[in-house]
Amino acid sequence: MFPDEPQFHRIVPRSGVRFAITVDGRQVEVQAGDLLISAILLHQSALRRFEFGDGYRAGFCLMAACQDCWIKLGDGRRVRACDTVARPGMSVTTGVVAVNGSANA
């Protein structure tokens, strides 16, 4: 089952330019300096689909060692979400949320 609530929440407000990126066809607002893992999990509960079953993944080590946070950029490159900084206009495909906003089953 896929929960609809975001996995991450900002606890302390911080300064920084806000801009949009596209995640699975949806525009989401992020802040300068956000890593993709934060940018994505501030808006959904999972980072990607589990490739060996029906579950979802949200990253594991958060320091680019475990290989659990690979996602695809709009240009086809695969990157680790936990060590890639979000950039204005970036497009990301996670496979978690369909373009209509519902969880992919």
N, C-alpha and C. Protein backbone atom coordinates (compact mmCIF):
# COMPACT_ATOMS: atom_id res chain seq x y z
N MET A 1 0.84 -1.18 0.00
CA MET A 1 0.00 0.00 0.00
C MET A 1 0.88 1.24 0.00
N PHE A 2 0.49 2.24 -0.75
CA PHE A 2 1.26 3.46 -0.90
C PHE A 2 0.59 4.59 -0.13
N PRO A 3 1.21 5.07 0.96
CA PRO A 3 0.62 6.20 1.68
C PRO A 3 0.77 7.49 0.89
N ASP A 4 -0.21 8.38 1.00
CA ASP A 4 -0.21 9.62 0.24
C ASP A 4 0.54 10.76 0.92
N GLU A 5 0.89 10.61 2.18
CA GLU A 5 1.55 11.69 2.91
C GLU A 5 3.03 11.78 2.55
N PRO A 6 3.59 12.99 2.55
CA PRO A 6 5.04 13.13 2.32
C PRO A 6 5.84 12.41 3.40
N GLN A 7 6.99 11.89 3.04
CA GLN A 7 7.88 11.22 3.99
C GLN A 7 8.65 12.24 4.84
N PHE A 8 9.06 13.37 4.21
CA PHE A 8 9.83 14.40 4.91
C PHE A 8 8.96 15.63 5.14
N HIS A 9 9.29 16.37 6.20
CA HIS A 9 8.65 17.66 6.49
C HIS A 9 9.75 18.62 6.93
N ARG A 10 9.68 19.85 6.45
CA ARG A 10 10.65 20.85 6.91
C ARG A 10 10.29 21.23 8.34
N ILE A 11 11.22 21.10 9.24
CA ILE A 11 10.99 21.45 10.63
C ILE A 11 11.41 22.90 10.89
N VAL A 12 12.53 23.30 10.31
CA VAL A 12 13.05 24.64 10.50
C VAL A 12 13.03 25.36 9.15
N PRO A 13 12.33 26.48 9.07
CA PRO A 13 12.36 27.24 7.82
C PRO A 13 13.78 27.73 7.54
N ARG A 14 14.14 27.77 6.27
CA ARG A 14 15.46 28.29 5.91
C ARG A 14 15.33 29.18 4.70
N SER A 15 16.31 30.03 4.55
CA SER A 15 16.28 30.93 3.40
C SER A 15 16.77 30.19 2.17
N GLY A 16 16.51 30.75 1.05
CA GLY A 16 16.94 30.16 -0.21
C GLY A 16 15.91 30.39 -1.28
N VAL A 17 16.38 30.56 -2.49
CA VAL A 17 15.49 30.77 -3.62
C VAL A 17 14.61 29.54 -3.80
N ARG A 18 13.35 29.78 -4.05
CA ARG A 18 12.41 28.67 -4.33
C ARG A 18 12.23 28.59 -5.85
N PHE A 19 12.13 27.36 -6.34
CA PHE A 19 11.93 27.13 -7.77
C PHE A 19 11.22 25.81 -7.97
N ALA A 20 10.81 25.54 -9.18
CA ALA A 20 10.06 24.32 -9.49
C ALA A 20 10.94 23.30 -10.20
N ILE A 21 10.70 22.05 -9.87
CA ILE A 21 11.21 20.92 -10.66
C ILE A 21 10.00 20.06 -10.99
N THR A 22 10.16 19.16 -11.93
CA THR A 22 9.08 18.25 -12.31
C THR A 22 9.42 16.86 -11.82
N VAL A 23 8.50 16.27 -11.06
CA VAL A 23 8.66 14.91 -10.55
C VAL A 23 7.50 14.08 -11.07
N ASP A 24 7.81 13.11 -11.92
CA ASP A 24 6.78 12.25 -12.52
C ASP A 24 5.66 13.07 -13.14
N GLY A 25 6.01 14.15 -13.84
CA GLY A 25 5.03 14.96 -14.55
C GLY A 25 4.34 16.01 -13.70
N ARG A 26 4.63 16.07 -12.39
CA ARG A 26 4.02 17.07 -11.51
C ARG A 26 5.06 18.12 -11.16
N GLN A 27 4.66 19.38 -11.18
CA GLN A 27 5.58 20.43 -10.75
C GLN A 27 5.53 20.52 -9.23
N VAL A 28 6.71 20.54 -8.61
CA VAL A 28 6.81 20.68 -7.16
C VAL A 28 7.79 21.81 -6.85
N GLU A 29 7.56 22.48 -5.73
CA GLU A 29 8.43 23.58 -5.32
C GLU A 29 9.52 23.06 -4.39
N VAL A 30 10.75 23.49 -4.67
CA VAL A 30 11.90 23.13 -3.85
C VAL A 30 12.69 24.40 -3.55
N GLN A 31 13.71 24.28 -2.72
CA GLN A 31 14.56 25.41 -2.38
C GLN A 31 15.97 25.16 -2.85
N ALA A 32 16.66 26.23 -3.18
CA ALA A 32 18.07 26.13 -3.56
C ALA A 32 18.81 25.38 -2.45
N GLY A 33 19.64 24.45 -2.84
CA GLY A 33 20.40 23.65 -1.89
C GLY A 33 19.77 22.33 -1.53
N ASP A 34 18.50 22.12 -1.89
CA ASP A 34 17.85 20.83 -1.62
C ASP A 34 18.49 19.74 -2.46
N LEU A 35 18.73 18.61 -1.85
CA LEU A 35 19.10 17.42 -2.61
C LEU A 35 17.83 16.84 -3.21
N LEU A 36 17.95 16.07 -4.28
CA LEU A 36 16.75 15.50 -4.90
C LEU A 36 15.98 14.61 -3.94
N ILE A 37 16.66 13.88 -3.07
CA ILE A 37 15.94 13.02 -2.13
C ILE A 37 15.01 13.86 -1.25
N SER A 38 15.50 15.01 -0.78
CA SER A 38 14.65 15.90 0.03
C SER A 38 13.55 16.50 -0.81
N ALA A 39 13.90 16.99 -1.97
CA ALA A 39 12.93 17.64 -2.85
C ALA A 39 11.77 16.70 -3.16
N ILE A 40 12.07 15.45 -3.41
CA ILE A 40 11.04 14.47 -3.75
C ILE A 40 10.24 14.05 -2.52
N LEU A 41 10.93 13.70 -1.44
CA LEU A 41 10.23 13.18 -0.26
C LEU A 41 9.49 14.26 0.53
N LEU A 42 9.70 15.52 0.21
CA LEU A 42 8.87 16.58 0.78
C LEU A 42 7.49 16.60 0.13
N HIS A 43 7.33 15.87 -0.99
CA HIS A 43 6.08 15.89 -1.73
C HIS A 43 5.42 14.53 -1.90
N GLN A 44 6.11 13.47 -1.56
CA GLN A 44 5.52 12.13 -1.65
C GLN A 44 6.21 11.22 -0.65
N SER A 45 5.62 10.08 -0.40
CA SER A 45 6.11 9.22 0.67
C SER A 45 7.20 8.24 0.25
N ALA A 46 7.46 8.12 -1.03
CA ALA A 46 8.48 7.17 -1.49
C ALA A 46 9.32 7.81 -2.58
N LEU A 47 10.54 7.33 -2.68
CA LEU A 47 11.48 7.86 -3.66
C LEU A 47 11.41 7.12 -4.98
N ARG A 48 11.19 5.84 -4.91
CA ARG A 48 11.13 5.02 -6.14
C ARG A 48 10.43 3.70 -5.83
N ARG A 49 10.10 2.99 -6.89
CA ARG A 49 9.53 1.65 -6.75
C ARG A 49 10.65 0.65 -6.51
N PHE A 50 10.37 -0.37 -5.73
CA PHE A 50 11.31 -1.45 -5.48
C PHE A 50 11.36 -2.34 -6.70
N GLU A 51 12.56 -2.57 -7.23
CA GLU A 51 12.66 -3.33 -8.48
C GLU A 51 12.49 -4.84 -8.30
N PHE A 52 12.49 -5.33 -7.07
CA PHE A 52 12.37 -6.77 -6.84
C PHE A 52 11.06 -7.17 -6.19
N GLY A 53 10.06 -6.30 -6.24
CA GLY A 53 8.78 -6.62 -5.63
C GLY A 53 7.80 -5.48 -5.82
N ASP A 54 6.72 -5.52 -5.06
CA ASP A 54 5.64 -4.55 -5.21
C ASP A 54 5.79 -3.33 -4.31
N GLY A 55 6.86 -3.23 -3.56
CA GLY A 55 7.00 -2.16 -2.59
C GLY A 55 7.62 -0.89 -3.15
N TYR A 56 7.85 0.04 -2.26
CA TYR A 56 8.44 1.33 -2.58
C TYR A 56 9.67 1.52 -1.70
N ARG A 57 10.58 2.38 -2.13
CA ARG A 57 11.80 2.67 -1.40
C ARG A 57 11.88 4.16 -1.11
N ALA A 58 12.54 4.53 -0.02
CA ALA A 58 12.70 5.95 0.32
C ALA A 58 14.16 6.29 0.59
N GLY A 59 15.07 5.53 0.04
CA GLY A 59 16.48 5.74 0.36
C GLY A 59 16.80 4.99 1.65
N PHE A 60 18.07 4.81 1.92
CA PHE A 60 18.44 4.04 3.11
C PHE A 60 19.54 4.75 3.90
N CYS A 61 20.73 4.89 3.30
CA CYS A 61 21.86 5.41 4.07
C CYS A 61 21.93 6.93 4.05
N LEU A 62 21.37 7.57 3.03
CA LEU A 62 21.36 9.02 2.87
C LEU A 62 22.76 9.62 2.72
N MET A 63 23.74 8.81 2.30
CA MET A 63 25.10 9.32 2.09
C MET A 63 25.78 8.70 0.87
N ALA A 64 24.98 8.25 -0.10
CA ALA A 64 25.49 7.77 -1.39
C ALA A 64 26.34 6.51 -1.30
N ALA A 65 26.05 5.65 -0.36
CA ALA A 65 26.81 4.42 -0.23
C ALA A 65 25.98 3.17 -0.55
N CYS A 66 24.69 3.19 -0.29
CA CYS A 66 23.89 1.96 -0.34
C CYS A 66 23.27 1.65 -1.70
N GLN A 67 23.23 2.59 -2.62
CA GLN A 67 22.65 2.39 -3.95
C GLN A 67 21.13 2.29 -3.96
N ASP A 68 20.46 2.72 -2.90
CA ASP A 68 19.01 2.56 -2.80
C ASP A 68 18.22 3.74 -3.35
N CYS A 69 18.88 4.81 -3.75
CA CYS A 69 18.15 6.02 -4.14
C CYS A 69 18.30 6.39 -5.61
N TRP A 70 18.64 5.44 -6.47
CA TRP A 70 18.80 5.74 -7.89
C TRP A 70 17.46 6.15 -8.50
N ILE A 71 17.47 7.28 -9.21
CA ILE A 71 16.30 7.75 -9.94
C ILE A 71 16.77 8.20 -11.32
N LYS A 72 15.83 8.50 -12.19
CA LYS A 72 16.17 8.88 -13.56
C LYS A 72 15.83 10.35 -13.80
N LEU A 73 16.77 11.07 -14.41
CA LEU A 73 16.52 12.44 -14.82
C LEU A 73 15.81 12.45 -16.16
N GLY A 74 15.23 13.59 -16.51
CA GLY A 74 14.49 13.71 -17.77
C GLY A 74 15.34 13.43 -18.99
N ASP A 75 16.65 13.63 -18.90
CA ASP A 75 17.52 13.37 -20.05
C ASP A 75 17.98 11.91 -20.12
N GLY A 76 17.45 11.07 -19.21
CA GLY A 76 17.76 9.64 -19.23
C GLY A 76 18.88 9.21 -18.31
N ARG A 77 19.65 10.16 -17.78
CA ARG A 77 20.72 9.78 -16.85
C ARG A 77 20.15 9.27 -15.54
N ARG A 78 20.82 8.28 -14.97
CA ARG A 78 20.47 7.79 -13.63
C ARG A 78 21.40 8.46 -12.63
N VAL A 79 20.83 8.96 -11.53
CA VAL A 79 21.61 9.62 -10.49
C VAL A 79 21.15 9.14 -9.12
N ARG A 80 22.00 9.32 -8.14
CA ARG A 80 21.60 9.05 -6.76
C ARG A 80 20.92 10.31 -6.24
N ALA A 81 19.72 10.15 -5.75
CA ALA A 81 18.95 11.30 -5.25
C ALA A 81 19.56 11.90 -4.00
N CYS A 82 20.32 11.11 -3.25
CA CYS A 82 20.86 11.62 -1.98
C CYS A 82 22.12 12.43 -2.14
N ASP A 83 22.71 12.48 -3.34
CA ASP A 83 23.88 13.34 -3.52
C ASP A 83 23.80 14.18 -4.79
N THR A 84 22.58 14.39 -5.28
CA THR A 84 22.37 15.24 -6.45
C THR A 84 21.54 16.45 -6.05
N VAL A 85 22.07 17.62 -6.28
CA VAL A 85 21.39 18.87 -5.91
C VAL A 85 20.32 19.19 -6.95
N ALA A 86 19.14 19.57 -6.47
CA ALA A 86 18.05 19.98 -7.36
C ALA A 86 18.42 21.29 -8.05
N ARG A 87 18.10 21.38 -9.33
CA ARG A 87 18.37 22.57 -10.13
C ARG A 87 17.06 23.04 -10.77
N PRO A 88 16.91 24.35 -10.95
CA PRO A 88 15.69 24.86 -11.57
C PRO A 88 15.41 24.18 -12.92
N GLY A 89 14.14 23.80 -13.11
CA GLY A 89 13.72 23.18 -14.36
C GLY A 89 14.04 21.71 -14.50
N MET A 90 14.66 21.12 -13.51
CA MET A 90 15.03 19.71 -13.56
C MET A 90 13.78 18.85 -13.69
N SER A 91 13.89 17.76 -14.43
CA SER A 91 12.80 16.81 -14.57
C SER A 91 13.29 15.46 -14.06
N VAL A 92 12.47 14.82 -13.20
CA VAL A 92 12.86 13.58 -12.54
C VAL A 92 11.75 12.55 -12.74
N THR A 93 12.15 11.31 -12.98
CA THR A 93 11.20 10.21 -13.06
C THR A 93 11.51 9.23 -11.95
N THR A 94 10.52 9.01 -11.08
CA THR A 94 10.70 8.05 -9.99
C THR A 94 9.89 6.78 -10.21
N GLY A 95 8.80 6.88 -10.98
CA GLY A 95 7.92 5.74 -11.18
C GLY A 95 6.97 5.51 -10.02
N VAL A 96 6.98 6.42 -9.04
CA VAL A 96 6.12 6.24 -7.86
C VAL A 96 4.75 6.82 -8.10
N VAL A 97 4.68 8.04 -8.60
CA VAL A 97 3.41 8.73 -8.78
C VAL A 97 3.15 8.91 -10.27
N ALA A 98 1.97 8.53 -10.69
CA ALA A 98 1.58 8.69 -12.09
C ALA A 98 1.31 10.16 -12.38
N VAL A 99 1.28 10.53 -13.63
CA VAL A 99 1.05 11.91 -14.03
C VAL A 99 -0.25 12.45 -13.45
N ASN A 100 -1.26 11.60 -13.27
CA ASN A 100 -2.55 12.05 -12.71
C ASN A 100 -2.50 12.21 -11.21
N GLY A 101 -1.35 11.96 -10.59
CA GLY A 101 -1.19 12.18 -9.15
C GLY A 101 -1.47 10.96 -8.30
N SER A 102 -1.92 9.86 -8.90
CA SER A 102 -2.19 8.67 -8.10
C SER A 102 -0.95 7.78 -8.04
N ALA A 103 -0.87 6.97 -7.01
CA ALA A 103 0.27 6.05 -6.85
C ALA A 103 0.22 5.00 -7.94
N ASN A 104 1.38 4.72 -8.53
CA ASN A 104 1.48 3.63 -9.50
C ASN A 104 1.38 2.31 -8.77
N ALA A 105 0.54 1.44 -9.25
CA ALA A 105 0.39 0.14 -8.60
C ALA A 105 1.25 -0.91 -9.27
